[in-house]
């Protein structure tokens, strides 16, 4: 969690391609998931982001927070029902 908070502070002051809110949301999600599940969450969110970018008509920047939110809930449901 501390890594994501430090990345959020760095993203606030320097341009790193992601906003500080993305890292703060990942820090919040890291309270409920392990580090391997967080890596899966980022992978699923990236796949959602690529899918949204391909399906959009305009080719501009897309927000990553909704992709993180959808992947969090998909991973949460998978974790709950896989046991």
PDB file of N, CA and C in Angstrom:
ATOM      1  N   UNK A   1       0.824  -1.180   0.000  1.00  0.00           N
ATOM      2  CA  UNK A   1       0.000   0.000   0.000  1.00  0.00           C
ATOM      3  C   UNK A   1       0.873   1.251   0.000  1.00  0.00           C
ATOM      4  N   UNK A   2       1.950   1.204   0.724  1.00  0.00           N
ATOM      5  CA  UNK A   2       2.825   2.370   0.820  1.00  0.00           C
ATOM      6  C   UNK A   2       3.432   2.732  -0.534  1.00  0.00           C
ATOM      7  N   UNK A   3       3.705   1.705  -1.344  1.00  0.00           N
ATOM      8  CA  UNK A   3       4.274   1.951  -2.676  1.00  0.00           C
ATOM      9  C   UNK A   3       3.297   2.746  -3.529  1.00  0.00           C
ATOM     10  N   UNK A   4       2.019   2.379  -3.490  1.00  0.00           N
ATOM     11  CA  UNK A   4       1.028   3.085  -4.291  1.00  0.00           C
ATOM     12  C   UNK A   4       0.806   4.518  -3.795  1.00  0.00           C
ATOM     13  N   UNK A   5       0.890   4.725  -2.492  1.00  0.00           N
ATOM     14  CA  UNK A   5       0.757   6.081  -1.955  1.00  0.00           C
ATOM     15  C   UNK A   5       1.940   6.940  -2.392  1.00  0.00           C
ATOM     16  N   UNK A   6       3.138   6.374  -2.352  1.00  0.00           N
ATOM     17  CA  UNK A   6       4.313   7.119  -2.821  1.00  0.00           C
ATOM     18  C   UNK A   6       4.237   7.406  -4.319  1.00  0.00           C
ATOM     19  N   UNK A   7       3.736   6.461  -5.090  1.00  0.00           N
ATOM     20  CA  UNK A   7       3.546   6.698  -6.525  1.00  0.00           C
ATOM     21  C   UNK A   7       2.498   7.773  -6.775  1.00  0.00           C
ATOM     22  N   UNK A   8       1.466   7.821  -5.947  1.00  0.00           N
ATOM     23  CA  UNK A   8       0.441   8.860  -6.084  1.00  0.00           C
ATOM     24  C   UNK A   8       1.021  10.238  -5.797  1.00  0.00           C
ATOM     25  N   UNK A   9       1.868  10.331  -4.803  1.00  0.00           N
ATOM     26  CA  UNK A   9       2.521  11.608  -4.501  1.00  0.00           C
ATOM     27  C   UNK A   9       3.435  12.017  -5.648  1.00  0.00           C
ATOM     28  N   UNK A  10       4.168  11.070  -6.181  1.00  0.00           N
ATOM     29  CA  UNK A  10       5.030  11.362  -7.326  1.00  0.00           C
ATOM     30  C   UNK A  10       4.240  11.747  -8.563  1.00  0.00           C
ATOM     31  N   UNK A  11       3.084  11.104  -8.778  1.00  0.00           N
ATOM     32  CA  UNK A  11       2.249  11.423  -9.943  1.00  0.00           C
ATOM     33  C   UNK A  11       1.605  12.790  -9.804  1.00  0.00           C
ATOM     34  N   UNK A  12       1.446  13.229  -8.574  1.00  0.00           N
ATOM     35  CA  UNK A  12       0.869  14.565  -8.365  1.00  0.00           C
ATOM     36  C   UNK A  12       1.848  15.662  -8.793  1.00  0.00           C
ATOM     37  N   UNK A  13       3.116  15.438  -8.570  1.00  0.00           N
ATOM     38  CA  UNK A  13       4.121  16.458  -8.862  1.00  0.00           C
ATOM     39  C   UNK A  13       4.800  16.283 -10.221  1.00  0.00           C
ATOM     40  N   UNK A  14       4.883  15.054 -10.724  1.00  0.00           N
ATOM     41  CA  UNK A  14       5.548  14.773 -11.991  1.00  0.00           C
ATOM     42  C   UNK A  14       4.595  14.020 -12.909  1.00  0.00           C
ATOM     43  N   UNK A  15       4.772  14.188 -14.221  1.00  0.00           N
ATOM     44  CA  UNK A  15       3.942  13.467 -15.184  1.00  0.00           C
ATOM     45  C   UNK A  15       4.484  12.055 -15.364  1.00  0.00           C
ATOM     46  N   UNK A  16       3.673  11.064 -15.011  1.00  0.00           N
ATOM     47  CA  UNK A  16       4.085   9.670 -15.164  1.00  0.00           C
ATOM     48  C   UNK A  16       3.130   8.892 -16.060  1.00  0.00           C
ATOM     49  N   UNK A  17       2.159   9.547 -16.651  1.00  0.00           N
ATOM     50  CA  UNK A  17       1.217   8.893 -17.547  1.00  0.00           C
ATOM     51  C   UNK A  17      -0.053   8.430 -16.870  1.00  0.00           C
ATOM     52  N   UNK A  18      -0.032   8.282 -15.565  1.00  0.00           N
ATOM     53  CA  UNK A  18      -1.230   7.928 -14.797  1.00  0.00           C
ATOM     54  C   UNK A  18      -1.448   9.006 -13.760  1.00  0.00           C
ATOM     55  N   UNK A  19      -2.695   9.214 -13.418  1.00  0.00           N
ATOM     56  CA  UNK A  19      -3.013  10.216 -12.423  1.00  0.00           C
ATOM     57  C   UNK A  19      -2.806   9.705 -11.014  1.00  0.00           C
ATOM     58  N   UNK A  20      -2.811  10.622 -10.076  1.00  0.00           N
ATOM     59  CA  UNK A  20      -2.625  10.247  -8.678  1.00  0.00           C
ATOM     60  C   UNK A  20      -3.816   9.449  -8.167  1.00  0.00           C
ATOM     61  N   UNK A  21      -4.997   9.697  -8.723  1.00  0.00           N
ATOM     62  CA  UNK A  21      -6.183   8.966  -8.286  1.00  0.00           C
ATOM     63  C   UNK A  21      -6.121   7.487  -8.603  1.00  0.00           C
ATOM     64  N   UNK A  22      -5.480   7.139  -9.711  1.00  0.00           N
ATOM     65  CA  UNK A  22      -5.320   5.725 -10.064  1.00  0.00           C
ATOM     66  C   UNK A  22      -4.489   4.998  -9.011  1.00  0.00           C
ATOM     67  N   UNK A  23      -3.411   5.624  -8.601  1.00  0.00           N
ATOM     68  CA  UNK A  23      -2.549   4.997  -7.594  1.00  0.00           C
ATOM     69  C   UNK A  23      -3.214   4.966  -6.222  1.00  0.00           C
ATOM     70  N   UNK A  24      -3.985   6.004  -5.897  1.00  0.00           N
ATOM     71  CA  UNK A  24      -4.689   5.996  -4.613  1.00  0.00           C
ATOM     72  C   UNK A  24      -5.770   4.923  -4.590  1.00  0.00           C
ATOM     73  N   UNK A  25      -6.432   4.714  -5.721  1.00  0.00           N
ATOM     74  CA  UNK A  25      -7.424   3.643  -5.796  1.00  0.00           C
ATOM     75  C   UNK A  25      -6.755   2.283  -5.666  1.00  0.00           C
ATOM     76  N   UNK A  26      -5.595   2.106  -6.291  1.00  0.00           N
ATOM     77  CA  UNK A  26      -4.859   0.852  -6.131  1.00  0.00           C
ATOM     78  C   UNK A  26      -4.397   0.654  -4.690  1.00  0.00           C
ATOM     79  N   UNK A  27      -4.036   1.744  -4.015  1.00  0.00           N
ATOM     80  CA  UNK A  27      -3.658   1.638  -2.601  1.00  0.00           C
ATOM     81  C   UNK A  27      -4.847   1.191  -1.768  1.00  0.00           C
ATOM     82  N   UNK A  28      -6.029   1.685  -2.096  1.00  0.00           N
ATOM     83  CA  UNK A  28      -7.234   1.271  -1.380  1.00  0.00           C
ATOM     84  C   UNK A  28      -7.555  -0.192  -1.656  1.00  0.00           C
ATOM     85  N   UNK A  29      -7.410  -0.602  -2.910  1.00  0.00           N
ATOM     86  CA  UNK A  29      -7.681  -1.996  -3.254  1.00  0.00           C
ATOM     87  C   UNK A  29      -6.663  -2.936  -2.631  1.00  0.00           C
ATOM     88  N   UNK A  30      -5.456  -2.455  -2.393  1.00  0.00           N
ATOM     89  CA  UNK A  30      -4.438  -3.328  -1.803  1.00  0.00           C
ATOM     90  C   UNK A  30      -4.731  -3.637  -0.334  1.00  0.00           C
ATOM     91  N   UNK A  31      -5.676  -2.939   0.257  1.00  0.00           N
ATOM     92  CA  UNK A  31      -6.083  -3.273   1.622  1.00  0.00           C
ATOM     93  C   UNK A  31      -6.897  -4.565   1.670  1.00  0.00           C
ATOM     94  N   UNK A  32      -7.551  -4.912   0.551  1.00  0.00           N
ATOM     95  CA  UNK A  32      -8.387  -6.106   0.551  1.00  0.00           C
ATOM     96  C   UNK A  32      -7.767  -7.288  -0.188  1.00  0.00           C
ATOM     97  N   UNK A  33      -6.824  -7.037  -1.087  1.00  0.00           N
ATOM     98  CA  UNK A  33      -6.232  -8.115  -1.879  1.00  0.00           C
ATOM     99  C   UNK A  33      -4.742  -8.242  -1.584  1.00  0.00           C
ATOM    100  N   UNK A  34      -4.215  -9.430  -1.874  1.00  0.00           N
ATOM    101  CA  UNK A  34      -2.773  -9.655  -1.737  1.00  0.00           C
ATOM    102  C   UNK A  34      -2.051  -9.039  -2.928  1.00  0.00           C
ATOM    103  N   UNK A  35      -0.735  -9.084  -2.890  1.00  0.00           N
ATOM    104  CA  UNK A  35       0.044  -8.461  -3.972  1.00  0.00           C
ATOM    105  C   UNK A  35      -0.127  -9.194  -5.298  1.00  0.00           C
ATOM    106  N   UNK A  36      -0.287 -10.512  -5.273  1.00  0.00           N
ATOM    107  CA  UNK A  36      -0.513 -11.222  -6.524  1.00  0.00           C
ATOM    108  C   UNK A  36      -1.881 -10.905  -7.101  1.00  0.00           C
ATOM    109  N   UNK A  37      -2.874 -10.753  -6.247  1.00  0.00           N
ATOM    110  CA  UNK A  37      -4.204 -10.380  -6.743  1.00  0.00           C
ATOM    111  C   UNK A  37      -4.201  -8.954  -7.294  1.00  0.00           C
ATOM    112  N   UNK A  38      -3.389  -8.076  -6.725  1.00  0.00           N
ATOM    113  CA  UNK A  38      -3.277  -6.708  -7.250  1.00  0.00           C
ATOM    114  C   UNK A  38      -2.660  -6.738  -8.645  1.00  0.00           C
ATOM    115  N   UNK A  39      -1.682  -7.617  -8.854  1.00  0.00           N
ATOM    116  CA  UNK A  39      -1.111  -7.748 -10.194  1.00  0.00           C
ATOM    117  C   UNK A  39      -2.145  -8.273 -11.185  1.00  0.00           C
ATOM    118  N   UNK A  40      -2.964  -9.231 -10.762  1.00  0.00           N
ATOM    119  CA  UNK A  40      -4.058  -9.700 -11.612  1.00  0.00           C
ATOM    120  C   UNK A  40      -5.050  -8.576 -11.883  1.00  0.00           C
ATOM    121  N   UNK A  41      -5.331  -7.778 -10.877  1.00  0.00           N
ATOM    122  CA  UNK A  41      -6.262  -6.656 -11.028  1.00  0.00           C
ATOM    123  C   UNK A  41      -5.756  -5.664 -12.075  1.00  0.00           C
ATOM    124  N   UNK A  42      -4.476  -5.371 -12.053  1.00  0.00           N
ATOM    125  CA  UNK A  42      -3.898  -4.448 -13.030  1.00  0.00           C
ATOM    126  C   UNK A  42      -3.947  -5.053 -14.429  1.00  0.00           C
ATOM    127  N   UNK A  43      -3.715  -6.366 -14.538  1.00  0.00           N
ATOM    128  CA  UNK A  43      -3.792  -7.034 -15.837  1.00  0.00           C
ATOM    129  C   UNK A  43      -5.207  -6.988 -16.412  1.00  0.00           C
ATOM    130  N   UNK A  44      -6.191  -7.282 -15.575  1.00  0.00           N
ATOM    131  CA  UNK A  44      -7.590  -7.263 -16.034  1.00  0.00           C
ATOM    132  C   UNK A  44      -8.009  -5.848 -16.392  1.00  0.00           C
ATOM    133  N   UNK A  45      -7.596  -4.863 -15.589  1.00  0.00           N
ATOM    134  CA  UNK A  45      -7.926  -3.465 -15.877  1.00  0.00           C
ATOM    135  C   UNK A  45      -7.285  -3.010 -17.184  1.00  0.00           C
ATOM    136  N   UNK A  46      -6.081  -3.466 -17.450  1.00  0.00           N
ATOM    137  CA  UNK A  46      -5.433  -3.121 -18.721  1.00  0.00           C
ATOM    138  C   UNK A  46      -6.171  -3.735 -19.900  1.00  0.00           C
ATOM    139  N   UNK A  47      -6.648  -4.955 -19.734  1.00  0.00           N
ATOM    140  CA  UNK A  47      -7.433  -5.594 -20.808  1.00  0.00           C
ATOM    141  C   UNK A  47      -8.737  -4.838 -21.038  1.00  0.00           C
ATOM    142  N   UNK A  48      -9.411  -4.419 -19.948  1.00  0.00           N
ATOM    143  CA  UNK A  48     -10.617  -3.598 -20.089  1.00  0.00           C
ATOM    144  C   UNK A  48     -10.299  -2.284 -20.783  1.00  0.00           C
ATOM    145  N   UNK A  49      -9.179  -1.667 -20.425  1.00  0.00           N
ATOM    146  CA  UNK A  49      -8.786  -0.405 -21.037  1.00  0.00           C
ATOM    147  C   UNK A  49      -8.514  -0.539 -22.519  1.00  0.00           C
ATOM    148  N   UNK A  50      -7.839  -1.611 -22.911  1.00  0.00           N
ATOM    149  CA  UNK A  50      -7.582  -1.842 -24.333  1.00  0.00           C
ATOM    150  C   UNK A  50      -8.891  -2.078 -25.078  1.00  0.00           C
ATOM    151  N   UNK A  51      -9.800  -2.838 -24.468  1.00  0.00           N
ATOM    152  CA  UNK A  51     -11.094  -3.097 -25.086  1.00  0.00           C
ATOM    153  C   UNK A  51     -11.898  -1.806 -25.266  1.00  0.00           C
ATOM    154  N   UNK A  52     -11.901  -0.956 -24.256  1.00  0.00           N
ATOM    155  CA  UNK A  52     -12.611   0.327 -24.350  1.00  0.00           C
ATOM    156  C   UNK A  52     -11.978   1.204 -25.415  1.00  0.00           C
ATOM    157  N   UNK A  53     -10.665   1.227 -25.481  1.00  0.00           N
ATOM    158  CA  UNK A  53      -9.982   2.056 -26.471  1.00  0.00           C
ATOM    159  C   UNK A  53     -10.276   1.591 -27.890  1.00  0.00           C
ATOM    160  N   UNK A  54     -10.327   0.282 -28.091  1.00  0.00           N
ATOM    161  CA  UNK A  54     -10.601  -0.254 -29.425  1.00  0.00           C
ATOM    162  C   UNK A  54     -12.045   0.019 -29.846  1.00  0.00           C
ATOM    163  N   UNK A  55     -12.975  -0.075 -28.892  1.00  0.00           N
ATOM    164  CA  UNK A  55     -14.387   0.097 -29.214  1.00  0.00           C
ATOM    165  C   UNK A  55     -14.833   1.551 -29.305  1.00  0.00           C
ATOM    166  N   UNK A  56     -14.033   2.488 -28.822  1.00  0.00           N
ATOM    167  CA  UNK A  56     -14.411   3.901 -28.881  1.00  0.00           C
ATOM    168  C   UNK A  56     -14.272   4.439 -30.302  1.00  0.00           C
ATOM    169  N   UNK A  57     -15.130   5.386 -30.619  1.00  0.00           N
ATOM    170  CA  UNK A  57     -15.060   6.016 -31.941  1.00  0.00           C
ATOM    171  C   UNK A  57     -13.901   7.016 -32.008  1.00  0.00           C
ATOM    172  N   UNK A  58     -13.781   7.864 -30.994  1.00  0.00           N
ATOM    173  CA  UNK A  58     -12.675   8.830 -30.976  1.00  0.00           C
ATOM    174  C   UNK A  58     -11.448   8.176 -30.359  1.00  0.00           C
ATOM    175  N   UNK A  59     -10.313   8.433 -30.921  1.00  0.00           N
ATOM    176  CA  UNK A  59      -9.067   7.862 -30.413  1.00  0.00           C
ATOM    177  C   UNK A  59      -8.360   8.882 -29.533  1.00  0.00           C
ATOM    178  N   UNK A  60      -8.886   9.082 -28.346  1.00  0.00           N
ATOM    179  CA  UNK A  60      -8.244   9.986 -27.401  1.00  0.00           C
ATOM    180  C   UNK A  60      -7.997   9.236 -26.092  1.00  0.00           C
ATOM    181  N   UNK A  61      -7.569   9.949 -25.095  1.00  0.00           N
ATOM    182  CA  UNK A  61      -7.231   9.320 -23.821  1.00  0.00           C
ATOM    183  C   UNK A  61      -8.494   8.836 -23.122  1.00  0.00           C
ATOM    184  N   UNK A  62      -8.355   7.737 -22.406  1.00  0.00           N
ATOM    185  CA  UNK A  62      -9.486   7.197 -21.660  1.00  0.00           C
ATOM    186  C   UNK A  62      -9.135   7.201 -20.173  1.00  0.00           C
ATOM    187  N   UNK A  63     -10.129   7.376 -19.304  1.00  0.00           N
ATOM    188  CA  UNK A  63      -9.841   7.288 -17.865  1.00  0.00           C
ATOM    189  C   UNK A  63      -9.616   5.834 -17.459  1.00  0.00           C
ATOM    190  N   UNK A  64      -8.680   5.625 -16.564  1.00  0.00           N
ATOM    191  CA  UNK A  64      -8.314   4.268 -16.154  1.00  0.00           C
ATOM    192  C   UNK A  64      -9.050   3.834 -14.888  1.00  0.00           C
ATOM    193  N   UNK A  65      -9.587   4.791 -14.128  1.00  0.00           N
ATOM    194  CA  UNK A  65     -10.275   4.460 -12.877  1.00  0.00           C
ATOM    195  C   UNK A  65     -11.485   3.559 -13.114  1.00  0.00           C
ATOM    196  N   UNK A  66     -12.346   3.808 -14.129  1.00  0.00           N
ATOM    197  CA  UNK A  66     -13.455   2.867 -14.340  1.00  0.00           C
ATOM    198  C   UNK A  66     -12.989   1.452 -14.689  1.00  0.00           C
ATOM    199  N   UNK A  67     -11.893   1.345 -15.400  1.00  0.00           N
ATOM    200  CA  UNK A  67     -11.341   0.023 -15.715  1.00  0.00           C
ATOM    201  C   UNK A  67     -10.851  -0.670 -14.449  1.00  0.00           C
ATOM    202  N   UNK A  68     -10.206   0.073 -13.568  1.00  0.00           N
ATOM    203  CA  UNK A  68      -9.771  -0.487 -12.287  1.00  0.00           C
ATOM    204  C   UNK A  68     -10.970  -0.915 -11.446  1.00  0.00           C
ATOM    205  N   UNK A  69     -12.013  -0.097 -11.454  1.00  0.00           N
ATOM    206  CA  UNK A  69     -13.216  -0.385 -10.673  1.00  0.00           C
ATOM    207  C   UNK A  69     -13.891  -1.663 -11.169  1.00  0.00           C
ATOM    208  N   UNK A  70     -14.045  -1.802 -12.494  1.00  0.00           N
ATOM    209  CA  UNK A  70     -14.656  -3.009 -13.051  1.00  0.00           C
ATOM    210  C   UNK A  70     -13.817  -4.250 -12.786  1.00  0.00           C
ATOM    211  N   UNK A  71     -12.514  -4.119 -12.921  1.00  0.00           N
ATOM    212  CA  UNK A  71     -11.650  -5.277 -12.685  1.00  0.00           C
ATOM    213  C   UNK A  71     -11.627  -5.667 -11.206  1.00  0.00           C
ATOM    214  N   UNK A  72     -11.736  -4.676 -10.320  1.00  0.00           N
ATOM    215  CA  UNK A  72     -11.798  -4.983  -8.885  1.00  0.00           C
ATOM    216  C   UNK A  72     -13.032  -5.816  -8.577  1.00  0.00           C
ATOM    217  N   UNK A  73     -14.163  -5.416  -9.115  1.00  0.00           N
ATOM    218  CA  UNK A  73     -15.387  -6.148  -8.833  1.00  0.00           C
ATOM    219  C   UNK A  73     -15.413  -7.507  -9.526  1.00  0.00           C
ATOM    220  N   UNK A  74     -14.851  -7.602 -10.708  1.00  0.00           N
ATOM    221  CA  UNK A  74     -14.764  -8.902 -11.379  1.00  0.00           C
ATOM    222  C   UNK A  74     -13.877  -9.858 -10.584  1.00  0.00           C
ATOM    223  N   UNK A  75     -12.745  -9.367 -10.103  1.00  0.00           N
ATOM    224  CA  UNK A  75     -11.841 -10.205  -9.313  1.00  0.00           C
ATOM    225  C   UNK A  75     -12.448 -10.542  -7.951  1.00  0.00           C
ATOM    226  N   UNK A  76     -13.178  -9.607  -7.375  1.00  0.00           N
ATOM    227  CA  UNK A  76     -13.837  -9.857  -6.092  1.00  0.00           C
ATOM    228  C   UNK A  76     -14.901 -10.937  -6.233  1.00  0.00           C
ATOM    229  N   UNK A  77     -15.710 -10.861  -7.286  1.00  0.00           N
ATOM    230  CA  UNK A  77     -16.721 -11.894  -7.512  1.00  0.00           C
ATOM    231  C   UNK A  77     -16.080 -13.240  -7.804  1.00  0.00           C
ATOM    232  N   UNK A  78     -15.017 -13.239  -8.596  1.00  0.00           N
ATOM    233  CA  UNK A  78     -14.316 -14.498  -8.874  1.00  0.00           C
ATOM    234  C   UNK A  78     -13.740 -15.098  -7.603  1.00  0.00           C
ATOM    235  N   UNK A  79     -13.182 -14.263  -6.735  1.00  0.00           N
ATOM    236  CA  UNK A  79     -12.595 -14.754  -5.481  1.00  0.00           C
ATOM    237  C   UNK A  79     -13.677 -15.300  -4.559  1.00  0.00           C
ATOM    238  N   UNK A  80     -14.828 -14.638  -4.526  1.00  0.00           N
ATOM    239  CA  UNK A  80     -15.895 -15.081  -3.637  1.00  0.00           C
ATOM    240  C   UNK A  80     -16.496 -16.413  -4.090  1.00  0.00           C
ATOM    241  N   UNK A  81     -16.683 -16.587  -5.398  1.00  0.00           N
ATOM    242  CA  UNK A  81     -17.386 -17.770  -5.878  1.00  0.00           C
ATOM    243  C   UNK A  81     -16.464 -18.909  -6.301  1.00  0.00           C
ATOM    244  N   UNK A  82     -15.173 -18.728  -6.221  1.00  0.00           N
ATOM    245  CA  UNK A  82     -14.264 -19.804  -6.630  1.00  0.00           C
ATOM    246  C   UNK A  82     -13.939 -20.763  -5.490  1.00  0.00           C
ATOM    247  N   UNK A  83     -14.378 -20.461  -4.301  1.00  0.00           N
ATOM    248  CA  UNK A  83     -14.062 -21.337  -3.157  1.00  0.00           C
ATOM    249  C   UNK A  83     -15.132 -22.352  -2.919  1.00  0.00           C
TER     250      UNK A  83
END
